[in-house]
Amino acid sequence: MYLSEQEIDVPVNAAVTVPKRVFKRAVDRNLLKRRLRESYRKNKHLLTQKIGADTEASGLILMLIYVSKDIEESAVIEKAVVHILQQL
């Protein structure tokens, strides 16, 4: 989910979430959140380049929601995050 904002101080404000309904154990949720955050950290330059080129929006609010029912490897999550950031 994302929202373009005119009045935001930072270029991108990002958050990650993993549903408790799907992953009951906090250990699993925390693992997936770490993987999501790391994937975003490594590839956020893709998004900040687009924000800098766009003259309409000065910032973006982004929420990454993990929707798979399986615990995926870091490479799979990173590939999905890159795909998402390129589509924005």
N, C-alpha and C. Protein backbone atom coordinates (compact mmCIF):
# COMPACT_ATOMS: atom_id res chain seq x y z
N MET A 1 0.85 -1.16 0.00
CA MET A 1 0.00 0.00 0.00
C MET A 1 0.90 1.23 0.00
N TYR A 2 0.47 2.27 -0.69
CA TYR A 2 1.25 3.49 -0.69
C TYR A 2 0.33 4.69 -0.87
N LEU A 3 0.86 5.86 -0.51
CA LEU A 3 0.12 7.10 -0.60
C LEU A 3 1.11 8.21 -0.91
N SER A 4 0.86 8.96 -1.98
CA SER A 4 1.71 10.10 -2.30
C SER A 4 1.26 11.29 -1.47
N GLU A 5 2.21 11.98 -0.89
CA GLU A 5 1.90 13.11 -0.02
C GLU A 5 2.66 14.34 -0.47
N GLN A 6 2.00 15.48 -0.38
CA GLN A 6 2.65 16.75 -0.69
C GLN A 6 3.42 17.28 0.50
N GLU A 7 2.85 17.15 1.68
CA GLU A 7 3.43 17.79 2.86
C GLU A 7 4.06 16.76 3.80
N ILE A 8 5.20 16.23 3.38
CA ILE A 8 5.92 15.26 4.20
C ILE A 8 7.40 15.66 4.21
N ASP A 9 8.03 15.52 5.35
CA ASP A 9 9.41 16.00 5.51
C ASP A 9 10.45 15.08 4.88
N VAL A 10 10.18 13.79 4.87
CA VAL A 10 11.15 12.82 4.35
C VAL A 10 10.68 12.33 2.98
N PRO A 11 11.59 11.89 2.12
CA PRO A 11 11.17 11.41 0.79
C PRO A 11 10.26 10.18 0.86
N VAL A 12 10.62 9.22 1.73
CA VAL A 12 9.82 7.99 1.85
C VAL A 12 9.69 7.62 3.32
N ASN A 13 8.47 7.36 3.73
CA ASN A 13 8.20 6.89 5.09
C ASN A 13 7.67 5.46 4.93
N ALA A 14 8.44 4.46 5.36
CA ALA A 14 8.10 3.07 5.12
C ALA A 14 7.85 2.32 6.42
N ALA A 15 6.94 1.33 6.34
CA ALA A 15 6.64 0.45 7.46
C ALA A 15 6.43 -0.96 6.92
N VAL A 16 6.65 -1.96 7.76
CA VAL A 16 6.42 -3.35 7.38
C VAL A 16 5.50 -4.00 8.41
N THR A 17 4.74 -4.97 7.95
CA THR A 17 3.87 -5.70 8.86
C THR A 17 3.71 -7.15 8.39
N VAL A 18 3.57 -8.02 9.37
CA VAL A 18 3.32 -9.45 9.13
C VAL A 18 2.12 -9.81 10.01
N PRO A 19 1.07 -10.37 9.43
CA PRO A 19 -0.16 -10.61 10.20
C PRO A 19 -0.02 -11.69 11.27
N LYS A 20 -0.52 -11.38 12.44
CA LYS A 20 -0.51 -12.33 13.54
C LYS A 20 -1.49 -13.47 13.28
N ARG A 21 -2.50 -13.22 12.50
CA ARG A 21 -3.50 -14.23 12.18
C ARG A 21 -2.88 -15.41 11.41
N VAL A 22 -1.88 -15.11 10.57
CA VAL A 22 -1.24 -16.15 9.76
C VAL A 22 -0.06 -16.78 10.50
N PHE A 23 0.77 -15.93 11.12
CA PHE A 23 1.95 -16.41 11.83
C PHE A 23 1.76 -16.17 13.32
N LYS A 24 1.38 -17.19 14.03
CA LYS A 24 1.04 -17.08 15.44
C LYS A 24 2.26 -16.80 16.32
N ARG A 25 3.41 -17.38 15.95
CA ARG A 25 4.60 -17.22 16.79
C ARG A 25 5.32 -15.92 16.47
N ALA A 26 5.64 -15.17 17.50
CA ALA A 26 6.32 -13.89 17.33
C ALA A 26 7.70 -14.07 16.68
N VAL A 27 8.33 -15.20 16.92
CA VAL A 27 9.64 -15.47 16.33
C VAL A 27 9.55 -15.46 14.81
N ASP A 28 8.51 -16.09 14.26
CA ASP A 28 8.31 -16.13 12.81
C ASP A 28 7.99 -14.75 12.26
N ARG A 29 7.12 -14.01 12.94
CA ARG A 29 6.77 -12.66 12.50
C ARG A 29 8.00 -11.75 12.49
N ASN A 30 8.80 -11.83 13.54
CA ASN A 30 10.00 -11.00 13.62
C ASN A 30 11.02 -11.35 12.54
N LEU A 31 11.17 -12.63 12.25
CA LEU A 31 12.08 -13.06 11.19
C LEU A 31 11.65 -12.47 9.85
N LEU A 32 10.38 -12.57 9.55
CA LEU A 32 9.88 -12.05 8.27
C LEU A 32 9.97 -10.53 8.21
N LYS A 33 9.72 -9.85 9.32
CA LYS A 33 9.84 -8.39 9.34
C LYS A 33 11.29 -7.98 9.12
N ARG A 34 12.23 -8.69 9.73
CA ARG A 34 13.66 -8.39 9.51
C ARG A 34 14.02 -8.56 8.05
N ARG A 35 13.54 -9.63 7.44
CA ARG A 35 13.84 -9.88 6.03
C ARG A 35 13.22 -8.80 5.14
N LEU A 36 12.00 -8.39 5.43
CA LEU A 36 11.36 -7.33 4.66
C LEU A 36 12.11 -6.01 4.80
N ARG A 37 12.46 -5.64 6.02
CA ARG A 37 13.17 -4.38 6.25
C ARG A 37 14.53 -4.38 5.56
N GLU A 38 15.24 -5.48 5.62
CA GLU A 38 16.55 -5.56 4.99
C GLU A 38 16.43 -5.46 3.47
N SER A 39 15.44 -6.13 2.90
CA SER A 39 15.22 -6.06 1.46
C SER A 39 14.90 -4.64 1.03
N TYR A 40 14.07 -3.96 1.82
CA TYR A 40 13.74 -2.57 1.50
C TYR A 40 14.98 -1.68 1.64
N ARG A 41 15.76 -1.88 2.71
CA ARG A 41 16.94 -1.06 2.94
C ARG A 41 17.93 -1.17 1.79
N LYS A 42 18.12 -2.38 1.28
CA LYS A 42 19.08 -2.60 0.20
C LYS A 42 18.61 -2.03 -1.13
N ASN A 43 17.30 -1.86 -1.30
CA ASN A 43 16.77 -1.46 -2.61
C ASN A 43 15.97 -0.17 -2.59
N LYS A 44 16.03 0.60 -1.52
CA LYS A 44 15.24 1.81 -1.44
C LYS A 44 15.71 2.88 -2.42
N HIS A 45 16.92 2.75 -2.93
CA HIS A 45 17.42 3.70 -3.92
C HIS A 45 16.55 3.69 -5.18
N LEU A 46 15.93 2.54 -5.51
CA LEU A 46 15.04 2.47 -6.66
C LEU A 46 13.85 3.41 -6.50
N LEU A 47 13.37 3.53 -5.29
CA LEU A 47 12.21 4.35 -5.01
C LEU A 47 12.59 5.83 -4.86
N THR A 48 13.69 6.12 -4.22
CA THR A 48 14.06 7.51 -4.02
C THR A 48 14.45 8.19 -5.33
N GLN A 49 14.95 7.42 -6.30
CA GLN A 49 15.24 7.99 -7.62
C GLN A 49 13.96 8.41 -8.32
N LYS A 50 12.91 7.60 -8.19
CA LYS A 50 11.64 7.94 -8.81
C LYS A 50 10.98 9.13 -8.13
N ILE A 51 11.10 9.20 -6.81
CA ILE A 51 10.52 10.32 -6.06
C ILE A 51 11.21 11.62 -6.46
N GLY A 52 12.53 11.58 -6.62
CA GLY A 52 13.28 12.77 -7.02
C GLY A 52 12.92 13.24 -8.41
N ALA A 53 12.58 12.31 -9.31
CA ALA A 53 12.23 12.66 -10.68
C ALA A 53 10.79 13.16 -10.79
N ASP A 54 9.94 12.77 -9.85
CA ASP A 54 8.53 13.16 -9.87
C ASP A 54 8.38 14.54 -9.24
N THR A 55 7.82 15.48 -9.98
CA THR A 55 7.68 16.84 -9.47
C THR A 55 6.38 17.04 -8.70
N GLU A 56 5.40 16.17 -8.87
CA GLU A 56 4.11 16.32 -8.21
C GLU A 56 4.19 16.01 -6.72
N ALA A 57 4.74 14.88 -6.38
CA ALA A 57 4.76 14.44 -4.99
C ALA A 57 6.12 14.72 -4.37
N SER A 58 6.11 15.23 -3.16
CA SER A 58 7.37 15.47 -2.47
C SER A 58 7.73 14.32 -1.55
N GLY A 59 6.80 13.40 -1.33
CA GLY A 59 7.08 12.28 -0.45
C GLY A 59 6.12 11.13 -0.69
N LEU A 60 6.42 10.02 -0.05
CA LEU A 60 5.63 8.81 -0.23
C LEU A 60 5.53 8.09 1.10
N ILE A 61 4.34 7.62 1.41
CA ILE A 61 4.12 6.79 2.59
C ILE A 61 3.90 5.38 2.08
N LEU A 62 4.72 4.44 2.52
CA LEU A 62 4.73 3.08 1.98
C LEU A 62 4.55 2.08 3.11
N MET A 63 3.71 1.08 2.89
CA MET A 63 3.51 0.00 3.86
C MET A 63 3.69 -1.33 3.13
N LEU A 64 4.65 -2.12 3.55
CA LEU A 64 4.88 -3.44 2.98
C LEU A 64 4.19 -4.47 3.88
N ILE A 65 3.26 -5.21 3.30
CA ILE A 65 2.49 -6.21 4.04
C ILE A 65 2.85 -7.59 3.51
N TYR A 66 3.28 -8.47 4.38
CA TYR A 66 3.65 -9.83 3.99
C TYR A 66 2.36 -10.65 3.88
N VAL A 67 2.06 -11.18 2.70
CA VAL A 67 0.78 -11.87 2.50
C VAL A 67 0.92 -13.38 2.27
N SER A 68 2.12 -13.89 2.07
CA SER A 68 2.30 -15.32 1.86
C SER A 68 2.03 -16.08 3.15
N LYS A 69 1.60 -17.31 3.01
CA LYS A 69 1.35 -18.14 4.19
C LYS A 69 2.57 -18.99 4.55
N ASP A 70 3.64 -18.88 3.75
CA ASP A 70 4.88 -19.62 3.97
C ASP A 70 5.99 -18.67 4.38
N ILE A 71 6.97 -19.21 5.10
CA ILE A 71 8.15 -18.42 5.45
C ILE A 71 9.13 -18.57 4.29
N GLU A 72 9.27 -17.50 3.52
CA GLU A 72 10.13 -17.53 2.33
C GLU A 72 11.56 -17.14 2.69
N GLU A 73 12.48 -17.53 1.81
CA GLU A 73 13.88 -17.18 1.97
C GLU A 73 14.08 -15.70 1.67
N SER A 74 15.20 -15.17 2.11
CA SER A 74 15.50 -13.75 1.92
C SER A 74 15.57 -13.38 0.44
N ALA A 75 16.12 -14.24 -0.38
CA ALA A 75 16.25 -13.95 -1.81
C ALA A 75 14.88 -13.81 -2.47
N VAL A 76 13.94 -14.63 -2.09
CA VAL A 76 12.59 -14.57 -2.65
C VAL A 76 11.90 -13.28 -2.22
N ILE A 77 12.05 -12.92 -0.96
CA ILE A 77 11.45 -11.69 -0.45
C ILE A 77 12.08 -10.48 -1.11
N GLU A 78 13.40 -10.49 -1.27
CA GLU A 78 14.07 -9.36 -1.91
C GLU A 78 13.64 -9.19 -3.35
N LYS A 79 13.49 -10.28 -4.07
CA LYS A 79 13.03 -10.21 -5.46
C LYS A 79 11.64 -9.59 -5.53
N ALA A 80 10.76 -9.97 -4.61
CA ALA A 80 9.41 -9.41 -4.59
C ALA A 80 9.42 -7.92 -4.23
N VAL A 81 10.27 -7.53 -3.29
CA VAL A 81 10.35 -6.13 -2.89
C VAL A 81 10.88 -5.28 -4.05
N VAL A 82 11.88 -5.78 -4.76
CA VAL A 82 12.41 -5.06 -5.92
C VAL A 82 11.31 -4.88 -6.97
N HIS A 83 10.56 -5.92 -7.22
CA HIS A 83 9.46 -5.86 -8.18
C HIS A 83 8.43 -4.80 -7.77
N ILE A 84 8.08 -4.78 -6.50
CA ILE A 84 7.11 -3.80 -5.99
C ILE A 84 7.65 -2.38 -6.13
N LEU A 85 8.89 -2.16 -5.76
CA LEU A 85 9.46 -0.82 -5.82
C LEU A 85 9.59 -0.32 -7.26
N GLN A 86 9.85 -1.21 -8.18
CA GLN A 86 9.93 -0.82 -9.58
C GLN A 86 8.56 -0.47 -10.15
N GLN A 87 7.51 -1.10 -9.65
CA GLN A 87 6.17 -0.81 -10.15
C GLN A 87 5.63 0.52 -9.65
N LEU A 88 6.10 0.98 -8.50
CA LEU A 88 5.62 2.26 -7.99
C LEU A 88 6.18 3.33 -8.86
